[in-house]
Amino acid sequence: MELQKPYYAVIFTNTRTEEDNGYGQMADEMEKLAREQPGFIDFESARDELGISVSYWESLGAIANWKSNMDHKVAQQNGIKEWYSWYKVRICLVEREYEFTR
């Protein structure tokens, strides 16, 4: 998918705690909710030994609105309390991209 540049990427990298405690279901719900937010563009995720989720947004304002979404705030609090032993969030401006497809 060709995205209109520039756009923003929020990169959420994490390591998980041992138990699921509803994490999988909440992760699916948060992706669905994020897709409904104004300014949302797309989402990619890999969850294994190191979890990496990348969401794409039209603006910093759209990212701020998503961060303050009440359901998302509940998920953030549960993440700190139960699901993550570590995480880092990076917000990046994407000015250029390229890809390869066989």
C-alpha atoms as a PDB file:
ATOM      1  CA  MET A   1       0.000   0.000   0.000  1.00  0.00           C
ATOM      2  CA  GLU A   2       1.421   3.391  -0.992  1.00  0.00           C
ATOM      3  CA  LEU A   3       0.940   5.874   1.856  1.00  0.00           C
ATOM      4  CA  GLN A   4       0.866   9.648   1.345  1.00  0.00           C
ATOM      5  CA  LYS A   5       4.178  11.029   2.622  1.00  0.00           C
ATOM      6  CA  PRO A   6       5.143  12.370   5.002  1.00  0.00           C
ATOM      7  CA  TYR A   7       3.270  10.429   7.681  1.00  0.00           C
ATOM      8  CA  TYR A   8       4.070   9.268  11.195  1.00  0.00           C
ATOM      9  CA  ALA A   9       4.931   5.835  12.563  1.00  0.00           C
ATOM     10  CA  VAL A  10       4.466   4.920  16.219  1.00  0.00           C
ATOM     11  CA  ILE A  11       6.774   2.008  17.003  1.00  0.00           C
ATOM     12  CA  PHE A  12       5.871   0.131  20.183  1.00  0.00           C
ATOM     13  CA  THR A  13       8.542  -2.389  21.180  1.00  0.00           C
ATOM     14  CA  ASN A  14       8.053  -4.584  24.240  1.00  0.00           C
ATOM     15  CA  THR A  15       8.845  -7.686  26.170  1.00  0.00           C
ATOM     16  CA  ARG A  16       5.947  -9.506  27.771  1.00  0.00           C
ATOM     17  CA  THR A  17       5.380 -11.022  31.157  1.00  0.00           C
ATOM     18  CA  GLU A  18       4.754 -14.784  31.380  1.00  0.00           C
ATOM     19  CA  GLU A  19       0.947 -14.802  31.635  1.00  0.00           C
ATOM     20  CA  ASP A  20      -1.521 -13.743  28.944  1.00  0.00           C
ATOM     21  CA  ASN A  21      -4.127 -12.348  31.391  1.00  0.00           C
ATOM     22  CA  GLY A  22      -6.338 -11.241  28.500  1.00  0.00           C
ATOM     23  CA  TYR A  23      -3.498  -9.618  26.537  1.00  0.00           C
ATOM     24  CA  GLY A  24      -4.303 -11.251  23.187  1.00  0.00           C
ATOM     25  CA  GLN A  25      -7.921 -10.200  23.283  1.00  0.00           C
ATOM     26  CA  MET A  26      -7.084  -6.638  24.371  1.00  0.00           C
ATOM     27  CA  ALA A  27      -4.409  -6.335  21.658  1.00  0.00           C
ATOM     28  CA  ASP A  28      -6.959  -7.333  19.015  1.00  0.00           C
ATOM     29  CA  GLU A  29      -9.522  -4.881  20.445  1.00  0.00           C
ATOM     30  CA  MET A  30      -6.974  -2.030  20.492  1.00  0.00           C
ATOM     31  CA  GLU A  31      -6.010  -2.633  16.875  1.00  0.00           C
ATOM     32  CA  LYS A  32      -9.675  -2.579  15.858  1.00  0.00           C
ATOM     33  CA  LEU A  33     -10.277   0.603  17.885  1.00  0.00           C
ATOM     34  CA  ALA A  34      -7.160   2.296  16.484  1.00  0.00           C
ATOM     35  CA  ARG A  35      -8.382   1.607  12.948  1.00  0.00           C
ATOM     36  CA  GLU A  36     -11.553   3.587  13.765  1.00  0.00           C
ATOM     37  CA  GLN A  37      -9.656   6.712  14.918  1.00  0.00           C
ATOM     38  CA  PRO A  38      -9.417   9.830  12.734  1.00  0.00           C
ATOM     39  CA  GLY A  39      -5.993  10.081  11.128  1.00  0.00           C
ATOM     40  CA  PHE A  40      -5.230   6.350  11.407  1.00  0.00           C
ATOM     41  CA  ILE A  41      -3.530   4.897   8.330  1.00  0.00           C
ATOM     42  CA  ASP A  42      -2.394   1.305   8.981  1.00  0.00           C
ATOM     43  CA  PHE A  43      -0.995  -1.187  11.535  1.00  0.00           C
ATOM     44  CA  GLU A  44       1.643  -3.945  11.527  1.00  0.00           C
ATOM     45  CA  SER A  45       2.590  -6.242  14.407  1.00  0.00           C
ATOM     46  CA  ALA A  46       4.872  -9.141  15.304  1.00  0.00           C
ATOM     47  CA  ARG A  47       4.451 -10.729  18.725  1.00  0.00           C
ATOM     48  CA  ASP A  48       6.977 -13.309  19.783  1.00  0.00           C
ATOM     49  CA  GLU A  49      10.091 -13.086  21.956  1.00  0.00           C
ATOM     50  CA  LEU A  50      10.171  -9.336  21.276  1.00  0.00           C
ATOM     51  CA  GLY A  51       6.876  -7.658  20.475  1.00  0.00           C
ATOM     52  CA  ILE A  52       6.893  -4.953  17.833  1.00  0.00           C
ATOM     53  CA  SER A  53       3.786  -3.071  16.775  1.00  0.00           C
ATOM     54  CA  VAL A  54       3.851  -0.190  14.317  1.00  0.00           C
ATOM     55  CA  SER A  55       0.866   2.040  13.693  1.00  0.00           C
ATOM     56  CA  TYR A  56       0.785   4.720  11.009  1.00  0.00           C
ATOM     57  CA  TRP A  57      -0.855   8.127  11.410  1.00  0.00           C
ATOM     58  CA  GLU A  58      -1.497  11.278   9.406  1.00  0.00           C
ATOM     59  CA  SER A  59      -0.373  13.710  12.126  1.00  0.00           C
ATOM     60  CA  LEU A  60       1.031  14.163  15.627  1.00  0.00           C
ATOM     61  CA  GLY A  61      -2.430  15.386  16.667  1.00  0.00           C
ATOM     62  CA  ALA A  62      -3.999  12.091  15.562  1.00  0.00           C
ATOM     63  CA  ILE A  63      -1.377  10.209  17.615  1.00  0.00           C
ATOM     64  CA  ALA A  64      -2.096  12.368  20.686  1.00  0.00           C
ATOM     65  CA  ASN A  65      -5.831  11.738  20.329  1.00  0.00           C
ATOM     66  CA  TRP A  66      -5.218   7.977  20.150  1.00  0.00           C
ATOM     67  CA  LYS A  67      -2.937   8.090  23.215  1.00  0.00           C
ATOM     68  CA  SER A  68      -5.686   9.839  25.207  1.00  0.00           C
ATOM     69  CA  ASN A  69      -8.525   7.527  24.055  1.00  0.00           C
ATOM     70  CA  MET A  70     -10.149   6.176  27.246  1.00  0.00           C
ATOM     71  CA  ASP A  71     -10.233   2.517  26.141  1.00  0.00           C
ATOM     72  CA  HIS A  72      -6.615   2.813  25.032  1.00  0.00           C
ATOM     73  CA  LYS A  73      -5.719   4.325  28.427  1.00  0.00           C
ATOM     74  CA  VAL A  74      -7.211   1.253  30.158  1.00  0.00           C
ATOM     75  CA  ALA A  75      -5.078  -0.982  27.929  1.00  0.00           C
ATOM     76  CA  GLN A  76      -1.988   1.121  28.738  1.00  0.00           C
ATOM     77  CA  GLN A  77      -2.627   0.789  32.473  1.00  0.00           C
ATOM     78  CA  ASN A  78      -3.148  -2.980  32.176  1.00  0.00           C
ATOM     79  CA  GLY A  79       0.063  -3.205  30.163  1.00  0.00           C
ATOM     80  CA  ILE A  80       2.070  -1.566  32.929  1.00  0.00           C
ATOM     81  CA  LYS A  81       0.310  -3.559  35.642  1.00  0.00           C
ATOM     82  CA  GLU A  82       0.224  -7.032  34.032  1.00  0.00           C
ATOM     83  CA  TRP A  83       1.452  -7.535  30.469  1.00  0.00           C
ATOM     84  CA  TYR A  84       4.844  -5.877  29.953  1.00  0.00           C
ATOM     85  CA  SER A  85       8.145  -6.237  31.710  1.00  0.00           C
ATOM     86  CA  TRP A  86       9.560  -3.491  29.458  1.00  0.00           C
ATOM     87  CA  TYR A  87       8.429  -1.274  26.606  1.00  0.00           C
ATOM     88  CA  LYS A  88       9.583   1.656  24.498  1.00  0.00           C
ATOM     89  CA  VAL A  89       7.562   3.935  22.210  1.00  0.00           C
ATOM     90  CA  ARG A  90       9.159   5.753  19.295  1.00  0.00           C
ATOM     91  CA  ILE A  91       7.350   8.323  17.163  1.00  0.00           C
ATOM     92  CA  CYS A  92       8.956   8.848  13.781  1.00  0.00           C
ATOM     93  CA  LEU A  93       8.290  10.990  10.731  1.00  0.00           C
ATOM     94  CA  VAL A  94       8.345   8.830   7.593  1.00  0.00           C
ATOM     95  CA  GLU A  95       9.541  10.826   4.618  1.00  0.00           C
ATOM     96  CA  ARG A  96      10.622   7.983   2.361  1.00  0.00           C
ATOM     97  CA  GLU A  97       9.892   4.285   1.991  1.00  0.00           C
ATOM     98  CA  TYR A  98      10.596   1.417  -0.379  1.00  0.00           C
ATOM     99  CA  GLU A  99       9.784  -2.273  -0.487  1.00  0.00           C
ATOM    100  CA  PHE A 100      10.510  -5.500  -2.314  1.00  0.00           C
ATOM    101  CA  THR A 101       7.927  -8.094  -3.344  1.00  0.00           C
ATOM    102  CA  ARG A 102       8.730 -11.358  -5.073  1.00  0.00           C
END
